[in-house]
Amino acid sequence: MSLPRKALRDIFPDSGQLTKARSDALRDARDVQSCLPALVPDDAADAGTCANRLDVTRIPGHIAVIMDGNGRWAKCQGKSRAAGHRAGISAVRELIRVANDIGIDYLTIYSFSTENWSRPPQEVRTLMGLFARTMNAELEGMLANHVRIRLIGDVQSLPPRTRRSFLAAVEKSAACTGMTLVIAVNYGARQEIVAAARHLTLAALRGEIDAASVKSFDTQDFSAYLSTAGIPDPDLLIRTSGECRLSNFLLYQIAYSEIYISELLWPDFDRYELLRALLEYQRRERRFGGVGGA
């Protein structure tokens, strides 16, 4: 774990209260989803969102995020789904900046799943063009902040322009020593696990590994065949829009991740909601199947 690269008061200014913007965003999210009455009163002081409560020695080393709710946000705003995706990019930008400042070592974002190809073709084309433009526009800033980019998923099946933009970002950031941004694009966890098993089987059949030694393989050995090889498992998984499902994301890696469900739709997710997630994470006792403290 790295220590924060900036002072907390600079990363989270005015973090002692629930802002009206967040309150409105929560109300809009509930309206769109026909949610139950407000979980947090609109005018309440948000005592759990004070930056000075954050223990900088217990920042999670790896955060993974399922960014959900762009379409519902757009519907609430009376805008197109494309506008929702563009608004979502702004939230991604802030998340990357703040995660890097606060000392997160690995940040994994779920950008596009293998199941997302079933969306309307025009929406898929819009997303692929947005990915390419965003990578080209944001790369210089990420390099200046020493962010290293890594990809997981079937990148080779992406449209050529999108694929080139992603691969160029990986190549140009390879020497960066700051936070690692893992972009899950055309990614599915079940597909990843099947591919790892296939790779291991073929390696044994070709004699590249001793078939007898496979019998003693443990979870760490198998992890070396996953696309996340060399990346520690997420400490914290965040999902937005109030949905409580994993959506085929990092199923192997999140076995003992803490999970934070945000009621906010993704475009409304900001540094203060990240702070809330971090504070909730630090309130939990991670036992990994063992017995907690007395």
C-alpha atoms as a PDB file:
ATOM      1  CA  MET A   1       0.000   0.000   0.000  1.00  0.00           C
ATOM      2  CA  SER A   2       1.233   3.506  -0.862  1.00  0.00           C
ATOM      3  CA  LEU A   3       0.667   6.513   1.360  1.00  0.00           C
ATOM      4  CA  PRO A   4      -1.422   9.396  -0.041  1.00  0.00           C
ATOM      5  CA  ARG A   5       0.396  11.480  -2.621  1.00  0.00           C
ATOM      6  CA  LYS A   6      -1.479  14.604  -1.506  1.00  0.00           C
ATOM      7  CA  ALA A   7      -2.862  15.886   1.797  1.00  0.00           C
ATOM      8  CA  LEU A   8      -6.342  14.525   2.570  1.00  0.00           C
ATOM      9  CA  ARG A   9      -7.712  18.059   3.061  1.00  0.00           C
ATOM     10  CA  ASP A  10      -6.705  18.820  -0.525  1.00  0.00           C
ATOM     11  CA  ILE A  11      -8.205  15.596  -1.895  1.00  0.00           C
ATOM     12  CA  PHE A  12     -11.482  15.884   0.035  1.00  0.00           C
ATOM     13  CA  PRO A  13     -12.210  19.569   0.733  1.00  0.00           C
ATOM     14  CA  ASP A  14     -15.450  20.323   2.595  1.00  0.00           C
ATOM     15  CA  SER A  15     -16.032  16.637   3.315  1.00  0.00           C
ATOM     16  CA  GLY A  16     -17.807  17.086   6.641  1.00  0.00           C
ATOM     17  CA  GLN A  17     -21.335  17.395   5.282  1.00  0.00           C
ATOM     18  CA  LEU A  18     -23.639  15.719   2.822  1.00  0.00           C
ATOM     19  CA  THR A  19     -23.641  18.094  -0.123  1.00  0.00           C
ATOM     20  CA  LYS A  20     -26.875  19.128  -1.824  1.00  0.00           C
ATOM     21  CA  ALA A  21     -25.532  17.733  -5.098  1.00  0.00           C
ATOM     22  CA  ARG A  22     -25.115  14.289  -3.560  1.00  0.00           C
ATOM     23  CA  SER A  23     -28.479  14.513  -1.878  1.00  0.00           C
ATOM     24  CA  ASP A  24     -30.153  15.377  -5.192  1.00  0.00           C
ATOM     25  CA  ALA A  25     -28.280  12.574  -6.931  1.00  0.00           C
ATOM     26  CA  LEU A  26     -29.483  10.065  -4.353  1.00  0.00           C
ATOM     27  CA  ARG A  27     -33.051  11.268  -4.738  1.00  0.00           C
ATOM     28  CA  ASP A  28     -32.840  11.023  -8.544  1.00  0.00           C
ATOM     29  CA  ALA A  29     -31.378   7.515  -8.331  1.00  0.00           C
ATOM     30  CA  ARG A  30     -34.224   6.394  -6.093  1.00  0.00           C
ATOM     31  CA  ASP A  31     -36.832   8.022  -8.320  1.00  0.00           C
ATOM     32  CA  VAL A  32     -35.533   6.206 -11.388  1.00  0.00           C
ATOM     33  CA  GLN A  33     -35.438   2.845  -9.599  1.00  0.00           C
ATOM     34  CA  SER A  34     -38.657   3.341  -7.580  1.00  0.00           C
ATOM     35  CA  CYS A  35     -36.612   2.867  -4.438  1.00  0.00           C
ATOM     36  CA  LEU A  36     -37.815   2.784  -0.870  1.00  0.00           C
ATOM     37  CA  PRO A  37     -37.822   5.997   1.198  1.00  0.00           C
ATOM     38  CA  ALA A  38     -34.495   7.794   1.471  1.00  0.00           C
ATOM     39  CA  LEU A  39     -31.762   5.956   3.301  1.00  0.00           C
ATOM     40  CA  VAL A  40     -30.124   9.269   4.196  1.00  0.00           C
ATOM     41  CA  PRO A  41     -32.236  12.375   4.923  1.00  0.00           C
ATOM     42  CA  ASP A  42     -31.609  15.119   2.402  1.00  0.00           C
ATOM     43  CA  ASP A  43     -30.692  17.693   5.057  1.00  0.00           C
ATOM     44  CA  ALA A  44     -28.701  15.410   7.336  1.00  0.00           C
ATOM     45  CA  ALA A  45     -25.105  15.998   8.283  1.00  0.00           C
ATOM     46  CA  ASP A  46     -23.122  13.165   6.781  1.00  0.00           C
ATOM     47  CA  ALA A  47     -21.003  12.381   9.822  1.00  0.00           C
ATOM     48  CA  GLY A  48     -19.489   9.337   8.129  1.00  0.00           C
ATOM     49  CA  THR A  49     -17.905  11.354   5.338  1.00  0.00           C
ATOM     50  CA  CYS A  50     -15.223  13.261   7.244  1.00  0.00           C
ATOM     51  CA  ALA A  51     -11.795  12.919   5.665  1.00  0.00           C
ATOM     52  CA  ASN A  52     -10.101  13.201   9.044  1.00  0.00           C
ATOM     53  CA  ARG A  53     -11.673   9.858   9.995  1.00  0.00           C
ATOM     54  CA  LEU A  54      -9.734   8.116   7.236  1.00  0.00           C
ATOM     55  CA  ASP A  55      -6.762   6.021   8.393  1.00  0.00           C
ATOM     56  CA  VAL A  56      -4.128   6.545   5.710  1.00  0.00           C
ATOM     57  CA  THR A  57      -2.292   3.408   6.863  1.00  0.00           C
ATOM     58  CA  ARG A  58      -5.323   1.250   6.011  1.00  0.00           C
ATOM     59  CA  ILE A  59      -6.092   2.400   2.483  1.00  0.00           C
ATOM     60  CA  PRO A  60      -7.002  -0.645   0.343  1.00  0.00           C
ATOM     61  CA  GLY A  61      -4.253  -1.586  -2.055  1.00  0.00           C
ATOM     62  CA  HIS A  62      -6.653  -2.604  -4.820  1.00  0.00           C
ATOM     63  CA  ILE A  63     -10.128  -1.252  -5.566  1.00  0.00           C
ATOM     64  CA  ALA A  64     -12.338  -2.708  -8.297  1.00  0.00           C
ATOM     65  CA  VAL A  65     -15.384  -0.838  -9.579  1.00  0.00           C
ATOM     66  CA  ILE A  66     -18.518  -1.915 -11.442  1.00  0.00           C
ATOM     67  CA  MET A  67     -19.613   1.359 -13.013  1.00  0.00           C
ATOM     68  CA  ASP A  68     -23.366   1.007 -13.408  1.00  0.00           C
ATOM     69  CA  GLY A  69     -26.163   3.464 -14.119  1.00  0.00           C
ATOM     70  CA  ASN A  70     -25.184   5.613 -17.113  1.00  0.00           C
ATOM     71  CA  GLY A  71     -28.408   4.802 -18.962  1.00  0.00           C
ATOM     72  CA  ARG A  72     -30.658   5.407 -15.961  1.00  0.00           C
ATOM     73  CA  TRP A  73     -28.855   8.664 -15.230  1.00  0.00           C
ATOM     74  CA  ALA A  74     -29.511   9.794 -18.816  1.00  0.00           C
ATOM     75  CA  LYS A  75     -33.181   8.817 -18.537  1.00  0.00           C
ATOM     76  CA  CYS A  76     -33.521  10.814 -15.333  1.00  0.00           C
ATOM     77  CA  GLN A  77     -31.925  13.828 -17.021  1.00  0.00           C
ATOM     78  CA  GLY A  78     -34.042  13.504 -20.159  1.00  0.00           C
ATOM     79  CA  LYS A  79     -30.921  12.845 -22.242  1.00  0.00           C
ATOM     80  CA  SER A  80     -29.734  10.147 -24.615  1.00  0.00           C
ATOM     81  CA  ARG A  81     -27.905   7.044 -23.411  1.00  0.00           C
ATOM     82  CA  ALA A  82     -24.851   8.351 -25.282  1.00  0.00           C
ATOM     83  CA  ALA A  83     -24.955  11.463 -23.097  1.00  0.00           C
ATOM     84  CA  GLY A  84     -25.065   9.204 -20.062  1.00  0.00           C
ATOM     85  CA  HIS A  85     -21.940   7.380 -21.190  1.00  0.00           C
ATOM     86  CA  ARG A  86     -20.151  10.680 -21.807  1.00  0.00           C
ATOM     87  CA  ALA A  87     -21.100  11.840 -18.309  1.00  0.00           C
ATOM     88  CA  GLY A  88     -19.784   8.558 -16.980  1.00  0.00           C
ATOM     89  CA  ILE A  89     -16.356   9.341 -18.453  1.00  0.00           C
ATOM     90  CA  SER A  90     -16.129  12.415 -16.210  1.00  0.00           C
ATOM     91  CA  ALA A  91     -16.738  10.217 -13.174  1.00  0.00           C
ATOM     92  CA  VAL A  92     -14.027   7.816 -14.354  1.00  0.00           C
ATOM     93  CA  ARG A  93     -11.611  10.706 -14.758  1.00  0.00           C
ATOM     94  CA  GLU A  94     -12.196  11.909 -11.202  1.00  0.00           C
ATOM     95  CA  LEU A  95     -11.976   8.402  -9.768  1.00  0.00           C
ATOM     96  CA  ILE A  96      -8.597   7.789 -11.422  1.00  0.00           C
ATOM     97  CA  ARG A  97      -7.227  11.122 -10.243  1.00  0.00           C
ATOM     98  CA  VAL A  98      -8.398  10.725  -6.646  1.00  0.00           C
ATOM     99  CA  ALA A  99      -7.431   7.053  -6.373  1.00  0.00           C
ATOM    100  CA  ASN A 100      -3.935   7.936  -7.537  1.00  0.00           C
ATOM    101  CA  ASP A 101      -3.687  10.890  -5.140  1.00  0.00           C
ATOM    102  CA  ILE A 102      -4.846   8.892  -2.143  1.00  0.00           C
ATOM    103  CA  GLY A 103      -2.303   6.128  -2.671  1.00  0.00           C
ATOM    104  CA  ILE A 104      -4.304   3.281  -4.233  1.00  0.00           C
ATOM    105  CA  ASP A 105      -1.886   0.858  -5.904  1.00  0.00           C
ATOM    106  CA  TYR A 106      -4.345  -0.851  -8.260  1.00  0.00           C
ATOM    107  CA  LEU A 107      -7.658   0.403  -9.615  1.00  0.00           C
ATOM    108  CA  THR A 108      -9.704  -1.931 -11.832  1.00  0.00           C
ATOM    109  CA  ILE A 109     -12.669  -0.525 -13.762  1.00  0.00           C
ATOM    110  CA  TYR A 110     -15.279  -2.611 -15.555  1.00  0.00           C
ATOM    111  CA  SER A 111     -15.606  -0.743 -18.839  1.00  0.00           C
ATOM    112  CA  PHE A 112     -17.294  -3.238 -21.169  1.00  0.00           C
ATOM    113  CA  SER A 113     -18.367  -6.820 -20.543  1.00  0.00           C
ATOM    114  CA  THR A 114     -18.625  -9.698 -22.979  1.00  0.00           C
ATOM    115  CA  GLU A 115     -22.391  -9.500 -22.474  1.00  0.00           C
ATOM    116  CA  ASN A 116     -22.511  -5.814 -23.447  1.00  0.00           C
ATOM    117  CA  TRP A 117     -22.273  -6.784 -27.136  1.00  0.00           C
ATOM    118  CA  SER A 118     -25.987  -7.619 -26.877  1.00  0.00           C
ATOM    119  CA  ARG A 119     -26.833  -3.921 -26.546  1.00  0.00           C
ATOM    120  CA  PRO A 120     -28.181  -2.021 -29.586  1.00  0.00           C
ATOM    121  CA  PRO A 121     -25.464  -1.819 -32.288  1.00  0.00           C
ATOM    122  CA  GLN A 122     -25.519   1.999 -32.311  1.00  0.00           C
ATOM    123  CA  GLU A 123     -24.870   2.123 -28.564  1.00  0.00           C
ATOM    124  CA  VAL A 124     -21.981  -0.326 -28.911  1.00  0.00           C
ATOM    125  CA  ARG A 125     -20.465   1.777 -31.717  1.00  0.00           C
ATOM    126  CA  THR A 126     -20.851   4.881 -29.576  1.00  0.00           C
ATOM    127  CA  LEU A 127     -19.072   3.206 -26.664  1.00  0.00           C
ATOM    128  CA  MET A 128     -16.213   1.927 -28.817  1.00  0.00           C
ATOM    129  CA  GLY A 129     -15.671   5.379 -30.312  1.00  0.00           C
ATOM    130  CA  LEU A 130     -15.849   6.936 -26.861  1.00  0.00           C
ATOM    131  CA  PHE A 131     -13.245   4.495 -25.530  1.00  0.00           C
ATOM    132  CA  ALA A 132     -10.832   5.368 -28.334  1.00  0.00           C
ATOM    133  CA  ARG A 133     -11.285   9.135 -28.012  1.00  0.00           C
ATOM    134  CA  THR A 134     -11.001   9.018 -24.229  1.00  0.00           C
ATOM    135  CA  MET A 135      -7.805   6.983 -24.197  1.00  0.00           C
ATOM    136  CA  ASN A 136      -6.213   9.310 -26.734  1.00  0.00           C
ATOM    137  CA  ALA A 137      -7.313  12.437 -24.847  1.00  0.00           C
ATOM    138  CA  GLU A 138      -6.501  11.268 -21.317  1.00  0.00           C
ATOM    139  CA  LEU A 139      -3.259   9.390 -21.855  1.00  0.00           C
ATOM    140  CA  GLU A 140      -0.927  12.373 -21.573  1.00  0.00           C
ATOM    141  CA  GLY A 141      -2.404  13.356 -18.219  1.00  0.00           C
ATOM    142  CA  MET A 142      -2.161   9.815 -16.880  1.00  0.00           C
ATOM    143  CA  LEU A 143       1.457   9.551 -17.985  1.00  0.00           C
ATOM    144  CA  ALA A 144       2.225  12.836 -16.206  1.00  0.00           C
ATOM    145  CA  ASN A 145       0.827  11.256 -13.033  1.00  0.00           C
ATOM    146  CA  HIS A 146       2.836   8.055 -13.583  1.00  0.00           C
ATOM    147  CA  VAL A 147      -0.265   5.882 -14.038  1.00  0.00           C
ATOM    148  CA  ARG A 148       0.449   2.536 -15.629  1.00  0.00           C
ATOM    149  CA  ILE A 149      -2.302   0.996 -17.778  1.00  0.00           C
ATOM    150  CA  ARG A 150      -3.038  -2.698 -18.040  1.00  0.00           C
ATOM    151  CA  LEU A 151      -5.845  -4.460 -19.906  1.00  0.00           C
ATOM    152  CA  ILE A 152      -7.830  -7.579 -19.118  1.00  0.00           C
ATOM    153  CA  GLY A 153     -10.340  -9.133 -21.479  1.00  0.00           C
ATOM    154  CA  ASP A 154     -10.424 -10.065 -25.157  1.00  0.00           C
ATOM    155  CA  VAL A 155      -8.858  -6.903 -26.537  1.00  0.00           C
ATOM    156  CA  GLN A 156      -8.108  -8.459 -29.927  1.00  0.00           C
ATOM    157  CA  SER A 157     -11.831  -8.689 -30.726  1.00  0.00           C
ATOM    158  CA  LEU A 158     -12.372  -4.942 -30.333  1.00  0.00           C
ATOM    159  CA  PRO A 159     -12.782  -2.681 -33.367  1.00  0.00           C
ATOM    160  CA  PRO A 160      -9.349  -1.748 -34.806  1.00  0.00           C
ATOM    161  CA  ARG A 161      -9.366   1.914 -33.760  1.00  0.00           C
ATOM    162  CA  THR A 162     -10.412   1.096 -30.192  1.00  0.00           C
ATOM    163  CA  ARG A 163      -7.913  -1.754 -29.952  1.00  0.00           C
ATOM    164  CA  ARG A 164      -5.051   0.446 -31.184  1.00  0.00           C
ATOM    165  CA  SER A 165      -5.869   3.176 -28.655  1.00  0.00           C
ATOM    166  CA  PHE A 166      -5.889   0.748 -25.737  1.00  0.00           C
ATOM    167  CA  LEU A 167      -2.711  -1.070 -26.786  1.00  0.00           C
ATOM    168  CA  ALA A 168      -0.862   2.208 -27.408  1.00  0.00           C
ATOM    169  CA  ALA A 169      -1.764   3.343 -23.882  1.00  0.00           C
ATOM    170  CA  VAL A 170      -0.408   0.106 -22.435  1.00  0.00           C
ATOM    171  CA  GLU A 171       2.838   0.440 -24.369  1.00  0.00           C
ATOM    172  CA  LYS A 172       3.415   4.108 -23.569  1.00  0.00           C
ATOM    173  CA  SER A 173       2.698   3.678 -19.856  1.00  0.00           C
ATOM    174  CA  ALA A 174       4.713   0.488 -19.375  1.00  0.00           C
ATOM    175  CA  ALA A 175       7.535   2.253 -17.520  1.00  0.00           C
ATOM    176  CA  CYS A 176       5.240   4.215 -15.177  1.00  0.00           C
ATOM    177  CA  THR A 177       5.691   3.446 -11.504  1.00  0.00           C
ATOM    178  CA  GLY A 178       2.573   4.955  -9.938  1.00  0.00           C
ATOM    179  CA  MET A 179      -0.895   3.471  -9.666  1.00  0.00           C
ATOM    180  CA  THR A 180      -1.803   0.655 -12.052  1.00  0.00           C
ATOM    181  CA  LEU A 181      -5.107   1.253 -13.836  1.00  0.00           C
ATOM    182  CA  VAL A 182      -6.559  -2.089 -14.935  1.00  0.00           C
ATOM    183  CA  ILE A 183      -9.200  -1.655 -17.642  1.00  0.00           C
ATOM    184  CA  ALA A 184     -11.550  -4.612 -18.035  1.00  0.00           C
ATOM    185  CA  VAL A 185     -12.805  -4.344 -21.604  1.00  0.00           C
ATOM    186  CA  ASN A 186     -14.636  -7.100 -23.484  1.00  0.00           C
ATOM    187  CA  TYR A 187     -14.134  -8.981 -20.233  1.00  0.00           C
ATOM    188  CA  GLY A 188     -16.095 -11.828 -18.658  1.00  0.00           C
ATOM    189  CA  ALA A 189     -14.975 -13.686 -15.539  1.00  0.00           C
ATOM    190  CA  ARG A 190     -16.407 -17.043 -16.556  1.00  0.00           C
ATOM    191  CA  GLN A 191     -14.668 -16.773 -19.913  1.00  0.00           C
ATOM    192  CA  GLU A 192     -11.435 -15.854 -18.124  1.00  0.00           C
ATOM    193  CA  ILE A 193     -11.603 -18.926 -15.875  1.00  0.00           C
ATOM    194  CA  VAL A 194     -12.380 -21.243 -18.810  1.00  0.00           C
ATOM    195  CA  ALA A 195      -9.490 -19.746 -20.809  1.00  0.00           C
ATOM    196  CA  ALA A 196      -7.120 -20.266 -17.873  1.00  0.00           C
ATOM    197  CA  ALA A 197      -8.188 -23.912 -17.517  1.00  0.00           C
ATOM    198  CA  ARG A 198      -7.780 -24.424 -21.270  1.00  0.00           C
ATOM    199  CA  HIS A 199      -4.317 -22.830 -21.215  1.00  0.00           C
ATOM    200  CA  LEU A 200      -3.243 -25.018 -18.295  1.00  0.00           C
ATOM    201  CA  THR A 201      -4.552 -28.187 -19.970  1.00  0.00           C
ATOM    202  CA  LEU A 202      -2.842 -27.453 -23.270  1.00  0.00           C
ATOM    203  CA  ALA A 203       0.428 -26.622 -21.508  1.00  0.00           C
ATOM    204  CA  ALA A 204       0.313 -30.014 -19.790  1.00  0.00           C
ATOM    205  CA  LEU A 205      -0.512 -31.836 -23.040  1.00  0.00           C
ATOM    206  CA  ARG A 206       2.390 -30.109 -24.820  1.00  0.00           C
ATOM    207  CA  GLY A 207       4.757 -31.107 -22.041  1.00  0.00           C
ATOM    208  CA  GLU A 208       5.431 -27.511 -21.039  1.00  0.00           C
ATOM    209  CA  ILE A 209       4.566 -28.400 -17.457  1.00  0.00           C
ATOM    210  CA  ASP A 210       4.721 -31.738 -15.667  1.00  0.00           C
ATOM    211  CA  ALA A 211       1.220 -33.186 -15.838  1.00  0.00           C
ATOM    212  CA  ALA A 212       1.755 -34.916 -12.490  1.00  0.00           C
ATOM    213  CA  SER A 213       2.535 -31.587 -10.819  1.00  0.00           C
ATOM    214  CA  VAL A 214      -0.886 -30.256 -11.769  1.00  0.00           C
ATOM    215  CA  LYS A 215      -2.361 -32.472  -9.043  1.00  0.00           C
ATOM    216  CA  SER A 216      -0.652 -30.297  -6.439  1.00  0.00           C
ATOM    217  CA  PHE A 217      -1.772 -26.996  -7.962  1.00  0.00           C
ATOM    218  CA  ASP A 218      -3.290 -24.593  -5.479  1.00  0.00           C
ATOM    219  CA  THR A 219      -5.262 -21.369  -5.995  1.00  0.00           C
ATOM    220  CA  GLN A 220      -2.099 -19.308  -6.251  1.00  0.00           C
ATOM    221  CA  ASP A 221      -0.714 -21.558  -8.984  1.00  0.00           C
ATOM    222  CA  PHE A 222      -3.963 -21.345 -10.930  1.00  0.00           C
ATOM    223  CA  SER A 223      -4.048 -17.555 -10.561  1.00  0.00           C
ATOM    224  CA  ALA A 224      -0.914 -17.369 -12.693  1.00  0.00           C
ATOM    225  CA  TYR A 225      -3.027 -18.467 -15.674  1.00  0.00           C
ATOM    226  CA  LEU A 226      -5.636 -15.741 -15.224  1.00  0.00           C
ATOM    227  CA  SER A 227      -5.488 -12.417 -17.061  1.00  0.00           C
ATOM    228  CA  THR A 228      -4.879 -10.744 -13.699  1.00  0.00           C
ATOM    229  CA  ALA A 229      -1.668 -12.685 -13.052  1.00  0.00           C
ATOM    230  CA  GLY A 230       0.673 -10.613 -10.905  1.00  0.00           C
ATOM    231  CA  ILE A 231      -2.124  -8.322  -9.684  1.00  0.00           C
ATOM    232  CA  PRO A 232      -3.252  -8.724  -6.059  1.00  0.00           C
ATOM    233  CA  ASP A 233      -6.895  -9.569  -5.484  1.00  0.00           C
ATOM    234  CA  PRO A 234      -9.170  -6.569  -4.886  1.00  0.00           C
ATOM    235  CA  ASP A 235      -9.541  -5.511  -1.268  1.00  0.00           C
ATOM    236  CA  LEU A 236     -12.676  -3.522  -2.025  1.00  0.00           C
ATOM    237  CA  LEU A 237     -15.325  -3.928  -4.722  1.00  0.00           C
ATOM    238  CA  ILE A 238     -17.593  -0.945  -5.375  1.00  0.00           C
ATOM    239  CA  ARG A 239     -20.793  -1.170  -7.378  1.00  0.00           C
ATOM    240  CA  THR A 240     -22.978   1.812  -8.154  1.00  0.00           C
ATOM    241  CA  SER A 241     -26.709   2.293  -8.853  1.00  0.00           C
ATOM    242  CA  GLY A 242     -27.814   0.203  -5.876  1.00  0.00           C
ATOM    243  CA  GLU A 243     -27.628  -3.081  -7.765  1.00  0.00           C
ATOM    244  CA  CYS A 244     -26.463  -6.098  -5.742  1.00  0.00           C
ATOM    245  CA  ARG A 245     -24.935  -8.434  -8.302  1.00  0.00           C
ATOM    246  CA  LEU A 246     -21.465  -9.178  -9.669  1.00  0.00           C
ATOM    247  CA  SER A 247     -22.269  -9.194 -13.402  1.00  0.00           C
ATOM    248  CA  ASN A 248     -19.570 -11.707 -14.349  1.00  0.00           C
ATOM    249  CA  PHE A 249     -16.787  -9.490 -12.959  1.00  0.00           C
ATOM    250  CA  LEU A 250     -13.633 -10.890 -11.326  1.00  0.00           C
ATOM    251  CA  LEU A 251     -15.505 -13.874  -9.906  1.00  0.00           C
ATOM    252  CA  TYR A 252     -12.300 -15.718  -9.003  1.00  0.00           C
ATOM    253  CA  GLN A 253     -10.466 -12.711  -7.613  1.00  0.00           C
ATOM    254  CA  ILE A 254     -13.115 -11.203  -5.313  1.00  0.00           C
ATOM    255  CA  ALA A 255     -13.591 -14.274  -3.102  1.00  0.00           C
ATOM    256  CA  TYR A 256     -12.724 -12.226  -0.002  1.00  0.00           C
ATOM    257  CA  SER A 257     -13.167  -8.663  -1.234  1.00  0.00           C
ATOM    258  CA  GLU A 258     -15.242  -6.300   0.856  1.00  0.00           C
ATOM    259  CA  ILE A 259     -18.265  -5.058  -1.135  1.00  0.00           C
ATOM    260  CA  TYR A 260     -19.695  -1.544  -1.041  1.00  0.00           C
ATOM    261  CA  ILE A 261     -22.985  -0.862  -2.839  1.00  0.00           C
ATOM    262  CA  SER A 262     -23.481   2.805  -3.698  1.00  0.00           C
ATOM    263  CA  GLU A 263     -26.984   4.110  -4.300  1.00  0.00           C
ATOM    264  CA  LEU A 264     -25.606   6.711  -6.724  1.00  0.00           C
ATOM    265  CA  LEU A 265     -25.804   6.233 -10.471  1.00  0.00           C
ATOM    266  CA  TRP A 266     -22.337   6.126 -11.964  1.00  0.00           C
ATOM    267  CA  PRO A 267     -22.145   9.672 -13.436  1.00  0.00           C
ATOM    268  CA  ASP A 268     -22.926  11.045  -9.955  1.00  0.00           C
ATOM    269  CA  PHE A 269     -20.171   9.019  -8.263  1.00  0.00           C
ATOM    270  CA  ASP A 270     -17.524  11.446  -6.988  1.00  0.00           C
ATOM    271  CA  ARG A 271     -14.613  11.674  -4.573  1.00  0.00           C
ATOM    272  CA  TYR A 272     -16.941  11.996  -1.585  1.00  0.00           C
ATOM    273  CA  GLU A 273     -18.749   8.774  -2.408  1.00  0.00           C
ATOM    274  CA  LEU A 274     -15.343   7.128  -2.757  1.00  0.00           C
ATOM    275  CA  LEU A 275     -14.500   8.491   0.690  1.00  0.00           C
ATOM    276  CA  ARG A 276     -17.698   6.957   2.079  1.00  0.00           C
ATOM    277  CA  ALA A 277     -16.713   3.604   0.580  1.00  0.00           C
ATOM    278  CA  LEU A 278     -13.227   3.836   2.084  1.00  0.00           C
ATOM    279  CA  LEU A 279     -14.573   4.705   5.518  1.00  0.00           C
ATOM    280  CA  GLU A 280     -17.039   1.817   5.375  1.00  0.00           C
ATOM    281  CA  TYR A 281     -14.202  -0.499   4.317  1.00  0.00           C
ATOM    282  CA  GLN A 282     -12.133   0.596   7.307  1.00  0.00           C
ATOM    283  CA  ARG A 283     -15.013  -0.078   9.696  1.00  0.00           C
ATOM    284  CA  ARG A 284     -15.067  -3.743   8.709  1.00  0.00           C
ATOM    285  CA  GLU A 285     -12.962  -6.541  10.125  1.00  0.00           C
ATOM    286  CA  ARG A 286     -11.478  -8.721   7.408  1.00  0.00           C
ATOM    287  CA  ARG A 287     -11.227 -12.305   8.712  1.00  0.00           C
ATOM    288  CA  PHE A 288     -10.691 -14.322   5.491  1.00  0.00           C
ATOM    289  CA  GLY A 289     -12.653 -17.229   6.945  1.00  0.00           C
ATOM    290  CA  GLY A 290     -10.871 -17.116  10.301  1.00  0.00           C
ATOM    291  CA  VAL A 291     -11.910 -15.858  13.716  1.00  0.00           C
ATOM    292  CA  GLY A 292     -11.957 -12.132  14.420  1.00  0.00           C
ATOM    293  CA  GLY A 293     -10.464 -10.336  17.371  1.00  0.00           C
ATOM    294  CA  ALA A 294     -12.061 -10.498  20.786  1.00  0.00           C
END
